[in-house]
Amino acid sequence: MIRTPLRRRSLRDPQYRALQGLARIAVNEASQRPLDALQGVADLARELTDARHAALAVVDGEDNIEGFVASGLTAEQERKLKSAPLGHGPLGSMRKDGFSVRIDDLEAHNASFGFPPKHPAMKTLLGRQIWVAGALRGALYVTDRSGGHPFRDEDDETLVILAGHAGRIIARRWY
């Protein structure tokens, strides 16, 4: 039998960072409340897509937001926000019109409304729906990729994986 050495992965290797993050979430998930576990998903989405902000909303069967977590906000930004987004703008259009949304200029987009007062300004958005047992139960999105660069197909693929993981958390811990 010939043994080949395992390739040592760099901490900068995106696949390695993704696997580490998913392992971290899985280990912590059993001991966390659902929103805390979903916070880990939002944090990992922001990290892996190199986004300034990430957020994850859980919705009920009537499309009302039941839970919301955000990643990348400063303490002052969190204090200024009195409520989660209503989900009628880009979030609402994503939930109603398709599995994902990629917007390169939010200011020019016709669905840019529904943000709560004092919401941080955002330029770009990439989002994915979260499905549980055939029902739409949430949305995961990231905004403003570092350097002002647009989101890539690889970022969308990352959100597909993380939205699936979030769906499993919601299914096991929420409903």
N, C-alpha and C. Protein backbone atom coordinates (compact mmCIF):
# COMPACT_ATOMS: atom_id res chain seq x y z
N MET A 1 0.84 -1.17 0.00
CA MET A 1 0.00 0.00 0.00
C MET A 1 0.89 1.24 0.00
N ILE A 2 0.61 2.15 -0.89
CA ILE A 2 1.38 3.39 -0.97
C ILE A 2 0.59 4.48 -0.27
N ARG A 3 1.26 5.15 0.63
CA ARG A 3 0.62 6.26 1.35
C ARG A 3 1.12 7.57 0.79
N THR A 4 0.19 8.44 0.53
CA THR A 4 0.59 9.77 0.08
C THR A 4 0.34 10.73 1.22
N PRO A 5 1.27 11.63 1.44
CA PRO A 5 1.08 12.57 2.55
C PRO A 5 -0.08 13.51 2.26
N LEU A 6 -0.78 13.87 3.31
CA LEU A 6 -1.86 14.84 3.16
C LEU A 6 -1.23 16.20 2.90
N ARG A 7 -1.83 16.92 2.00
CA ARG A 7 -1.34 18.26 1.72
C ARG A 7 -1.72 19.17 2.88
N ARG A 8 -0.75 19.84 3.41
CA ARG A 8 -1.02 20.77 4.51
C ARG A 8 -1.68 22.01 3.92
N ARG A 9 -2.81 22.32 4.44
CA ARG A 9 -3.56 23.46 3.91
C ARG A 9 -3.16 24.75 4.62
N SER A 10 -3.13 25.78 3.87
CA SER A 10 -2.83 27.10 4.40
C SER A 10 -4.08 27.67 5.06
N LEU A 11 -3.89 28.46 6.09
CA LEU A 11 -5.03 29.12 6.73
C LEU A 11 -5.70 30.11 5.78
N ARG A 12 -5.03 30.49 4.72
CA ARG A 12 -5.60 31.41 3.74
C ARG A 12 -6.37 30.68 2.65
N ASP A 13 -6.26 29.39 2.58
CA ASP A 13 -6.95 28.58 1.58
C ASP A 13 -8.46 28.70 1.83
N PRO A 14 -9.24 29.23 0.86
CA PRO A 14 -10.68 29.44 1.08
C PRO A 14 -11.43 28.16 1.44
N GLN A 15 -11.10 27.05 0.80
CA GLN A 15 -11.79 25.80 1.12
C GLN A 15 -11.50 25.37 2.56
N TYR A 16 -10.28 25.54 2.98
CA TYR A 16 -9.90 25.18 4.34
C TYR A 16 -10.63 26.06 5.35
N ARG A 17 -10.69 27.37 5.06
CA ARG A 17 -11.41 28.29 5.95
C ARG A 17 -12.89 27.93 6.02
N ALA A 18 -13.46 27.54 4.89
CA ALA A 18 -14.88 27.16 4.85
C ALA A 18 -15.12 25.91 5.68
N LEU A 19 -14.27 24.91 5.52
CA LEU A 19 -14.42 23.67 6.29
C LEU A 19 -14.24 23.92 7.78
N GLN A 20 -13.26 24.74 8.12
CA GLN A 20 -13.05 25.08 9.53
C GLN A 20 -14.29 25.76 10.11
N GLY A 21 -14.84 26.70 9.35
CA GLY A 21 -16.01 27.43 9.82
C GLY A 21 -17.21 26.52 10.00
N LEU A 22 -17.46 25.64 9.04
CA LEU A 22 -18.59 24.71 9.16
C LEU A 22 -18.39 23.76 10.34
N ALA A 23 -17.17 23.32 10.55
CA ALA A 23 -16.89 22.45 11.69
C ALA A 23 -17.14 23.19 12.99
N ARG A 24 -16.73 24.45 13.06
CA ARG A 24 -16.93 25.27 14.25
C ARG A 24 -18.42 25.41 14.55
N ILE A 25 -19.22 25.67 13.50
CA ILE A 25 -20.67 25.81 13.68
C ILE A 25 -21.28 24.49 14.15
N ALA A 26 -20.89 23.39 13.53
CA ALA A 26 -21.45 22.08 13.89
C ALA A 26 -21.13 21.72 15.34
N VAL A 27 -19.92 21.99 15.78
CA VAL A 27 -19.53 21.66 17.15
C VAL A 27 -20.31 22.51 18.15
N ASN A 28 -20.49 23.78 17.83
CA ASN A 28 -21.17 24.68 18.76
C ASN A 28 -22.69 24.59 18.69
N GLU A 29 -23.22 24.07 17.59
CA GLU A 29 -24.66 24.08 17.36
C GLU A 29 -25.46 23.38 18.46
N ALA A 30 -24.99 22.25 18.92
CA ALA A 30 -25.74 21.47 19.90
C ALA A 30 -25.92 22.22 21.22
N SER A 31 -24.98 23.08 21.55
CA SER A 31 -25.04 23.76 22.84
C SER A 31 -25.57 25.18 22.73
N GLN A 32 -26.01 25.58 21.55
CA GLN A 32 -26.44 26.96 21.36
C GLN A 32 -27.95 27.06 21.14
N ARG A 33 -28.45 28.25 21.42
CA ARG A 33 -29.82 28.57 21.05
C ARG A 33 -29.87 28.74 19.53
N PRO A 34 -31.04 28.55 18.92
CA PRO A 34 -31.11 28.63 17.46
C PRO A 34 -30.53 29.91 16.87
N LEU A 35 -30.87 31.07 17.44
CA LEU A 35 -30.35 32.32 16.87
C LEU A 35 -28.84 32.42 17.02
N ASP A 36 -28.28 31.86 18.09
CA ASP A 36 -26.83 31.87 18.25
C ASP A 36 -26.17 31.00 17.19
N ALA A 37 -26.76 29.85 16.90
CA ALA A 37 -26.22 28.98 15.86
C ALA A 37 -26.32 29.66 14.50
N LEU A 38 -27.43 30.35 14.24
CA LEU A 38 -27.60 31.06 12.98
C LEU A 38 -26.65 32.26 12.89
N GLN A 39 -26.33 32.84 14.03
CA GLN A 39 -25.34 33.92 14.05
C GLN A 39 -24.00 33.41 13.51
N GLY A 40 -23.64 32.18 13.88
CA GLY A 40 -22.41 31.58 13.36
C GLY A 40 -22.44 31.43 11.86
N VAL A 41 -23.60 31.11 11.30
CA VAL A 41 -23.73 30.98 9.84
C VAL A 41 -23.55 32.36 9.19
N ALA A 42 -24.19 33.39 9.74
CA ALA A 42 -24.06 34.74 9.19
C ALA A 42 -22.61 35.22 9.27
N ASP A 43 -21.96 34.97 10.40
CA ASP A 43 -20.56 35.37 10.56
C ASP A 43 -19.67 34.69 9.52
N LEU A 44 -19.91 33.40 9.30
CA LEU A 44 -19.10 32.65 8.34
C LEU A 44 -19.39 33.13 6.91
N ALA A 45 -20.63 33.45 6.60
CA ALA A 45 -20.97 33.96 5.27
C ALA A 45 -20.22 35.26 5.00
N ARG A 46 -20.18 36.13 5.99
CA ARG A 46 -19.47 37.41 5.83
C ARG A 46 -17.98 37.17 5.62
N GLU A 47 -17.42 36.27 6.42
CA GLU A 47 -15.99 35.99 6.33
C GLU A 47 -15.62 35.38 4.97
N LEU A 48 -16.37 34.37 4.54
CA LEU A 48 -15.99 33.64 3.33
C LEU A 48 -16.24 34.42 2.04
N THR A 49 -17.18 35.35 2.06
CA THR A 49 -17.45 36.14 0.85
C THR A 49 -16.73 37.48 0.88
N ASP A 50 -16.01 37.75 1.96
CA ASP A 50 -15.27 39.00 2.13
C ASP A 50 -16.22 40.19 2.07
N ALA A 51 -17.37 40.03 2.74
CA ALA A 51 -18.40 41.07 2.74
C ALA A 51 -18.29 41.94 4.00
N ARG A 52 -18.78 43.14 3.90
CA ARG A 52 -18.78 44.04 5.06
C ARG A 52 -19.86 43.64 6.06
N HIS A 53 -21.02 43.22 5.56
CA HIS A 53 -22.13 42.82 6.42
C HIS A 53 -22.74 41.51 5.92
N ALA A 54 -23.37 40.80 6.85
CA ALA A 54 -24.18 39.63 6.50
C ALA A 54 -25.37 39.63 7.44
N ALA A 55 -26.45 39.02 7.00
CA ALA A 55 -27.63 38.89 7.84
C ALA A 55 -28.40 37.64 7.46
N LEU A 56 -29.16 37.15 8.41
CA LEU A 56 -29.97 35.97 8.20
C LEU A 56 -31.32 36.21 8.87
N ALA A 57 -32.38 36.04 8.10
CA ALA A 57 -33.74 36.22 8.63
C ALA A 57 -34.47 34.88 8.57
N VAL A 58 -35.22 34.59 9.63
CA VAL A 58 -36.09 33.41 9.68
C VAL A 58 -37.52 33.94 9.53
N VAL A 59 -38.28 33.33 8.61
CA VAL A 59 -39.66 33.79 8.39
C VAL A 59 -40.65 32.67 8.67
N ASP A 60 -41.84 33.08 9.04
CA ASP A 60 -42.92 32.11 9.27
C ASP A 60 -43.66 31.86 7.96
N GLY A 61 -44.71 31.08 8.01
CA GLY A 61 -45.48 30.75 6.81
C GLY A 61 -46.20 31.93 6.20
N GLU A 62 -46.33 33.02 6.96
CA GLU A 62 -47.00 34.23 6.47
C GLU A 62 -46.00 35.27 5.98
N ASP A 63 -44.72 34.90 5.92
CA ASP A 63 -43.65 35.80 5.46
C ASP A 63 -43.30 36.90 6.46
N ASN A 64 -43.62 36.67 7.74
CA ASN A 64 -43.22 37.60 8.79
C ASN A 64 -41.87 37.17 9.36
N ILE A 65 -41.01 38.13 9.66
CA ILE A 65 -39.70 37.80 10.22
C ILE A 65 -39.86 37.39 11.68
N GLU A 66 -39.45 36.16 11.98
CA GLU A 66 -39.53 35.62 13.35
C GLU A 66 -38.20 35.74 14.09
N GLY A 67 -37.13 35.78 13.36
CA GLY A 67 -35.81 35.89 13.97
C GLY A 67 -34.86 36.54 12.98
N PHE A 68 -33.90 37.28 13.51
CA PHE A 68 -32.98 38.01 12.64
C PHE A 68 -31.64 38.15 13.34
N VAL A 69 -30.55 37.85 12.61
CA VAL A 69 -29.20 38.08 13.12
C VAL A 69 -28.42 38.83 12.06
N ALA A 70 -27.48 39.66 12.52
CA ALA A 70 -26.64 40.42 11.60
C ALA A 70 -25.19 40.26 12.01
N SER A 71 -24.30 40.39 11.05
CA SER A 71 -22.87 40.26 11.29
C SER A 71 -22.16 41.44 10.63
N GLY A 72 -21.20 42.01 11.36
CA GLY A 72 -20.39 43.08 10.80
C GLY A 72 -20.82 44.47 11.22
N LEU A 73 -21.86 44.58 12.00
CA LEU A 73 -22.28 45.89 12.48
C LEU A 73 -21.44 46.29 13.69
N THR A 74 -21.15 47.57 13.79
CA THR A 74 -20.48 48.06 14.99
C THR A 74 -21.50 48.12 16.12
N ALA A 75 -21.02 48.23 17.34
CA ALA A 75 -21.92 48.33 18.50
C ALA A 75 -22.84 49.55 18.34
N GLU A 76 -22.30 50.63 17.82
CA GLU A 76 -23.11 51.83 17.64
C GLU A 76 -24.18 51.63 16.57
N GLN A 77 -23.84 50.96 15.47
CA GLN A 77 -24.84 50.67 14.43
C GLN A 77 -25.95 49.79 14.98
N GLU A 78 -25.59 48.78 15.77
CA GLU A 78 -26.61 47.90 16.37
C GLU A 78 -27.51 48.69 17.30
N ARG A 79 -26.94 49.60 18.07
CA ARG A 79 -27.71 50.40 19.01
C ARG A 79 -28.69 51.30 18.27
N LYS A 80 -28.28 51.85 17.13
CA LYS A 80 -29.13 52.76 16.35
C LYS A 80 -30.30 52.04 15.69
N LEU A 81 -30.09 50.78 15.33
CA LEU A 81 -31.16 50.02 14.68
C LEU A 81 -32.20 49.62 15.72
N LYS A 82 -33.40 49.98 15.49
CA LYS A 82 -34.47 49.64 16.44
C LYS A 82 -35.16 48.34 16.06
N SER A 83 -35.05 47.96 14.79
CA SER A 83 -35.74 46.75 14.34
C SER A 83 -35.01 46.14 13.16
N ALA A 84 -35.34 44.91 12.88
CA ALA A 84 -34.80 44.23 11.70
C ALA A 84 -35.47 44.81 10.45
N PRO A 85 -34.85 44.65 9.28
CA PRO A 85 -35.53 45.07 8.05
C PRO A 85 -36.88 44.39 7.93
N LEU A 86 -37.81 45.06 7.28
CA LEU A 86 -39.16 44.51 7.14
C LEU A 86 -39.23 43.38 6.13
N GLY A 87 -38.26 43.31 5.25
CA GLY A 87 -38.26 42.23 4.26
C GLY A 87 -39.18 42.48 3.09
N HIS A 88 -39.46 43.75 2.80
CA HIS A 88 -40.32 44.06 1.67
C HIS A 88 -39.51 44.50 0.46
N GLY A 89 -38.29 44.96 0.63
CA GLY A 89 -37.44 45.43 -0.46
C GLY A 89 -36.71 44.28 -1.12
N PRO A 90 -35.37 44.37 -1.21
CA PRO A 90 -34.61 43.30 -1.86
C PRO A 90 -34.84 41.93 -1.21
N LEU A 91 -34.96 41.89 0.12
CA LEU A 91 -35.23 40.62 0.80
C LEU A 91 -36.57 40.05 0.37
N GLY A 92 -37.57 40.91 0.32
CA GLY A 92 -38.90 40.45 -0.08
C GLY A 92 -38.93 39.97 -1.52
N SER A 93 -38.25 40.70 -2.41
CA SER A 93 -38.25 40.28 -3.81
C SER A 93 -37.51 38.96 -3.97
N MET A 94 -36.45 38.76 -3.19
CA MET A 94 -35.72 37.49 -3.27
C MET A 94 -36.61 36.35 -2.79
N ARG A 95 -37.34 36.57 -1.71
CA ARG A 95 -38.18 35.50 -1.17
C ARG A 95 -39.33 35.17 -2.11
N LYS A 96 -39.81 36.15 -2.86
CA LYS A 96 -40.96 35.90 -3.72
C LYS A 96 -40.59 35.50 -5.15
N ASP A 97 -39.47 36.03 -5.66
CA ASP A 97 -39.18 35.90 -7.08
C ASP A 97 -38.14 34.86 -7.46
N GLY A 98 -37.38 34.36 -6.53
CA GLY A 98 -36.35 33.40 -6.94
C GLY A 98 -35.46 32.98 -5.80
N PHE A 99 -34.59 32.04 -6.12
CA PHE A 99 -33.73 31.47 -5.09
C PHE A 99 -32.63 32.41 -4.65
N SER A 100 -32.21 33.30 -5.54
CA SER A 100 -31.13 34.19 -5.17
C SER A 100 -31.34 35.55 -5.79
N VAL A 101 -30.60 36.50 -5.27
CA VAL A 101 -30.61 37.84 -5.82
C VAL A 101 -29.17 38.37 -5.76
N ARG A 102 -28.78 39.03 -6.83
CA ARG A 102 -27.48 39.69 -6.87
C ARG A 102 -27.73 41.09 -7.41
N ILE A 103 -27.46 42.07 -6.58
CA ILE A 103 -27.70 43.47 -6.97
C ILE A 103 -26.36 44.20 -6.86
N ASP A 104 -25.93 44.79 -7.96
CA ASP A 104 -24.65 45.49 -7.98
C ASP A 104 -24.78 46.97 -7.62
N ASP A 105 -26.00 47.51 -7.62
CA ASP A 105 -26.20 48.91 -7.24
C ASP A 105 -27.57 49.04 -6.57
N LEU A 106 -27.58 48.93 -5.25
CA LEU A 106 -28.85 48.97 -4.51
C LEU A 106 -29.59 50.30 -4.69
N GLU A 107 -28.86 51.39 -4.76
CA GLU A 107 -29.52 52.69 -4.89
C GLU A 107 -30.36 52.77 -6.16
N ALA A 108 -29.89 52.13 -7.22
CA ALA A 108 -30.60 52.19 -8.50
C ALA A 108 -31.65 51.08 -8.64
N HIS A 109 -31.67 50.14 -7.71
CA HIS A 109 -32.58 49.00 -7.83
C HIS A 109 -33.99 49.40 -7.41
N ASN A 110 -34.99 48.96 -8.16
CA ASN A 110 -36.38 49.35 -7.89
C ASN A 110 -36.96 48.73 -6.61
N ALA A 111 -36.29 47.74 -6.03
CA ALA A 111 -36.81 47.11 -4.81
C ALA A 111 -36.09 47.61 -3.55
N SER A 112 -35.36 48.72 -3.65
CA SER A 112 -34.60 49.21 -2.50
C SER A 112 -35.46 50.07 -1.58
N PHE A 113 -36.24 49.39 -0.76
CA PHE A 113 -37.02 50.05 0.27
C PHE A 113 -37.25 49.04 1.39
N GLY A 114 -37.77 49.49 2.51
CA GLY A 114 -38.06 48.58 3.62
C GLY A 114 -36.95 48.49 4.64
N PHE A 115 -35.87 49.29 4.47
CA PHE A 115 -34.81 49.29 5.46
C PHE A 115 -35.25 50.11 6.66
N PRO A 116 -34.93 49.65 7.86
CA PRO A 116 -35.32 50.43 9.05
C PRO A 116 -34.52 51.73 9.11
N PRO A 117 -35.03 52.70 9.88
CA PRO A 117 -34.28 53.95 10.04
C PRO A 117 -32.88 53.67 10.59
N LYS A 118 -31.92 54.44 10.13
CA LYS A 118 -30.51 54.36 10.57
C LYS A 118 -29.83 53.06 10.15
N HIS A 119 -30.41 52.36 9.17
CA HIS A 119 -29.78 51.15 8.63
C HIS A 119 -28.50 51.58 7.93
N PRO A 120 -27.40 50.82 8.07
CA PRO A 120 -26.16 51.21 7.38
C PRO A 120 -26.35 51.24 5.87
N ALA A 121 -25.69 52.18 5.22
CA ALA A 121 -25.76 52.27 3.76
C ALA A 121 -25.11 51.03 3.15
N MET A 122 -25.69 50.57 2.06
CA MET A 122 -25.16 49.39 1.37
C MET A 122 -25.16 49.69 -0.13
N LYS A 123 -24.19 49.15 -0.84
CA LYS A 123 -24.08 49.36 -2.29
C LYS A 123 -24.47 48.09 -3.06
N THR A 124 -23.94 46.92 -2.63
CA THR A 124 -24.20 45.67 -3.34
C THR A 124 -24.81 44.65 -2.39
N LEU A 125 -25.51 43.68 -2.96
CA LEU A 125 -26.17 42.66 -2.14
C LEU A 125 -26.18 41.33 -2.90
N LEU A 126 -25.93 40.26 -2.16
CA LEU A 126 -26.06 38.90 -2.69
C LEU A 126 -26.84 38.11 -1.65
N GLY A 127 -27.92 37.46 -2.06
CA GLY A 127 -28.75 36.74 -1.11
C GLY A 127 -29.26 35.42 -1.65
N ARG A 128 -29.61 34.54 -0.71
CA ARG A 128 -30.14 33.21 -1.02
C ARG A 128 -31.32 32.90 -0.12
N GLN A 129 -32.28 32.21 -0.66
CA GLN A 129 -33.42 31.75 0.13
C GLN A 129 -33.01 30.56 0.99
N ILE A 130 -33.72 30.37 2.09
CA ILE A 130 -33.52 29.21 2.97
C ILE A 130 -34.83 28.43 2.98
N TRP A 131 -34.74 27.16 2.58
CA TRP A 131 -35.90 26.29 2.49
C TRP A 131 -35.83 25.20 3.55
N VAL A 132 -36.99 24.89 4.14
CA VAL A 132 -37.11 23.79 5.11
C VAL A 132 -38.32 22.97 4.71
N ALA A 133 -38.10 21.70 4.40
CA ALA A 133 -39.17 20.78 4.03
C ALA A 133 -40.11 21.37 2.98
N GLY A 134 -39.53 21.97 1.96
CA GLY A 134 -40.31 22.50 0.86
C GLY A 134 -40.96 23.84 1.11
N ALA A 135 -40.73 24.44 2.27
CA ALA A 135 -41.33 25.74 2.58
C ALA A 135 -40.23 26.78 2.76
N LEU A 136 -40.47 27.96 2.26
CA LEU A 136 -39.53 29.06 2.42
C LEU A 136 -39.53 29.49 3.88
N ARG A 137 -38.37 29.42 4.52
CA ARG A 137 -38.28 29.74 5.95
C ARG A 137 -37.21 30.76 6.29
N GLY A 138 -36.62 31.39 5.26
CA GLY A 138 -35.65 32.41 5.59
C GLY A 138 -34.86 32.90 4.41
N ALA A 139 -33.93 33.79 4.72
CA ALA A 139 -33.04 34.36 3.72
C ALA A 139 -31.69 34.65 4.37
N LEU A 140 -30.63 34.41 3.62
CA LEU A 140 -29.27 34.72 4.03
C LEU A 140 -28.72 35.68 3.00
N TYR A 141 -28.16 36.80 3.44
CA TYR A 141 -27.59 37.72 2.47
C TYR A 141 -26.33 38.39 3.00
N VAL A 142 -25.50 38.81 2.07
CA VAL A 142 -24.27 39.54 2.37
C VAL A 142 -24.30 40.83 1.56
N THR A 143 -23.60 41.85 2.07
CA THR A 143 -23.55 43.12 1.36
C THR A 143 -22.13 43.65 1.31
N ASP A 144 -21.86 44.39 0.26
CA ASP A 144 -20.63 45.16 0.10
C ASP A 144 -19.35 44.35 0.26
N ARG A 145 -19.00 43.67 -0.81
CA ARG A 145 -17.75 42.92 -0.85
C ARG A 145 -16.58 43.89 -0.74
N SER A 146 -15.55 43.46 -0.06
CA SER A 146 -14.38 44.29 0.20
C SER A 146 -13.80 44.87 -1.10
N GLY A 147 -13.33 46.11 -0.99
CA GLY A 147 -12.72 46.77 -2.14
C GLY A 147 -13.73 47.26 -3.16
N GLY A 148 -15.02 47.16 -2.85
CA GLY A 148 -16.05 47.59 -3.79
C GLY A 148 -16.25 46.64 -4.96
N HIS A 149 -15.65 45.46 -4.88
CA HIS A 149 -15.77 44.48 -5.96
C HIS A 149 -17.16 43.85 -5.95
N PRO A 150 -17.67 43.48 -7.12
CA PRO A 150 -18.96 42.78 -7.15
C PRO A 150 -18.82 41.37 -6.59
N PHE A 151 -19.92 40.82 -6.15
CA PHE A 151 -19.91 39.43 -5.68
C PHE A 151 -19.71 38.51 -6.88
N ARG A 152 -19.09 37.37 -6.63
CA ARG A 152 -18.73 36.41 -7.68
C ARG A 152 -19.65 35.19 -7.62
N ASP A 153 -19.57 34.36 -8.64
CA ASP A 153 -20.31 33.10 -8.65
C ASP A 153 -19.89 32.23 -7.47
N GLU A 154 -18.61 32.26 -7.11
CA GLU A 154 -18.12 31.48 -5.97
C GLU A 154 -18.78 31.92 -4.67
N ASP A 155 -19.05 33.22 -4.55
CA ASP A 155 -19.74 33.73 -3.36
C ASP A 155 -21.16 33.19 -3.30
N ASP A 156 -21.82 33.13 -4.46
CA ASP A 156 -23.17 32.58 -4.51
C ASP A 156 -23.16 31.10 -4.12
N GLU A 157 -22.17 30.35 -4.62
CA GLU A 157 -22.05 28.93 -4.26
C GLU A 157 -21.83 28.76 -2.76
N THR A 158 -21.07 29.66 -2.16
CA THR A 158 -20.85 29.63 -0.71
C THR A 158 -22.17 29.84 0.01
N LEU A 159 -22.97 30.79 -0.45
CA LEU A 159 -24.27 31.04 0.21
C LEU A 159 -25.22 29.87 0.04
N VAL A 160 -25.15 29.16 -1.09
CA VAL A 160 -25.99 27.97 -1.29
C VAL A 160 -25.70 26.97 -0.17
N ILE A 161 -24.43 26.71 0.08
CA ILE A 161 -24.03 25.74 1.12
C ILE A 161 -24.46 26.22 2.49
N LEU A 162 -24.19 27.49 2.79
CA LEU A 162 -24.53 28.01 4.11
C LEU A 162 -26.03 28.13 4.32
N ALA A 163 -26.79 28.47 3.28
CA ALA A 163 -28.25 28.52 3.40
C ALA A 163 -28.80 27.13 3.68
N GLY A 164 -28.22 26.11 3.05
CA GLY A 164 -28.63 24.73 3.34
C GLY A 164 -28.36 24.37 4.79
N HIS A 165 -27.21 24.78 5.29
CA HIS A 165 -26.88 24.49 6.69
C HIS A 165 -27.84 25.25 7.61
N ALA A 166 -28.12 26.49 7.28
CA ALA A 166 -29.07 27.27 8.09
C ALA A 166 -30.44 26.61 8.09
N GLY A 167 -30.85 26.06 6.95
CA GLY A 167 -32.13 25.36 6.88
C GLY A 167 -32.18 24.17 7.82
N ARG A 168 -31.08 23.44 7.93
CA ARG A 168 -31.03 22.31 8.86
C ARG A 168 -31.13 22.79 10.31
N ILE A 169 -30.47 23.89 10.62
CA ILE A 169 -30.55 24.45 11.99
C ILE A 169 -31.99 24.86 12.28
N ILE A 170 -32.60 25.56 11.33
CA ILE A 170 -33.99 26.02 11.53
C ILE A 170 -34.92 24.83 11.69
N ALA A 171 -34.77 23.81 10.85
CA ALA A 171 -35.64 22.63 10.92
C ALA A 171 -35.51 21.92 12.27
N ARG A 172 -34.32 21.78 12.75
CA ARG A 172 -34.10 21.04 14.01
C ARG A 172 -34.42 21.85 15.24
N ARG A 173 -34.18 23.14 15.19
CA ARG A 173 -34.21 23.93 16.40
C ARG A 173 -35.32 24.95 16.47
N TRP A 174 -35.97 25.22 15.33
CA TRP A 174 -36.95 26.31 15.32
C TRP A 174 -38.36 25.78 15.26
N TYR A 175 -38.61 24.81 14.37
CA TYR A 175 -39.99 24.35 14.16
C TYR A 175 -40.23 23.02 14.82
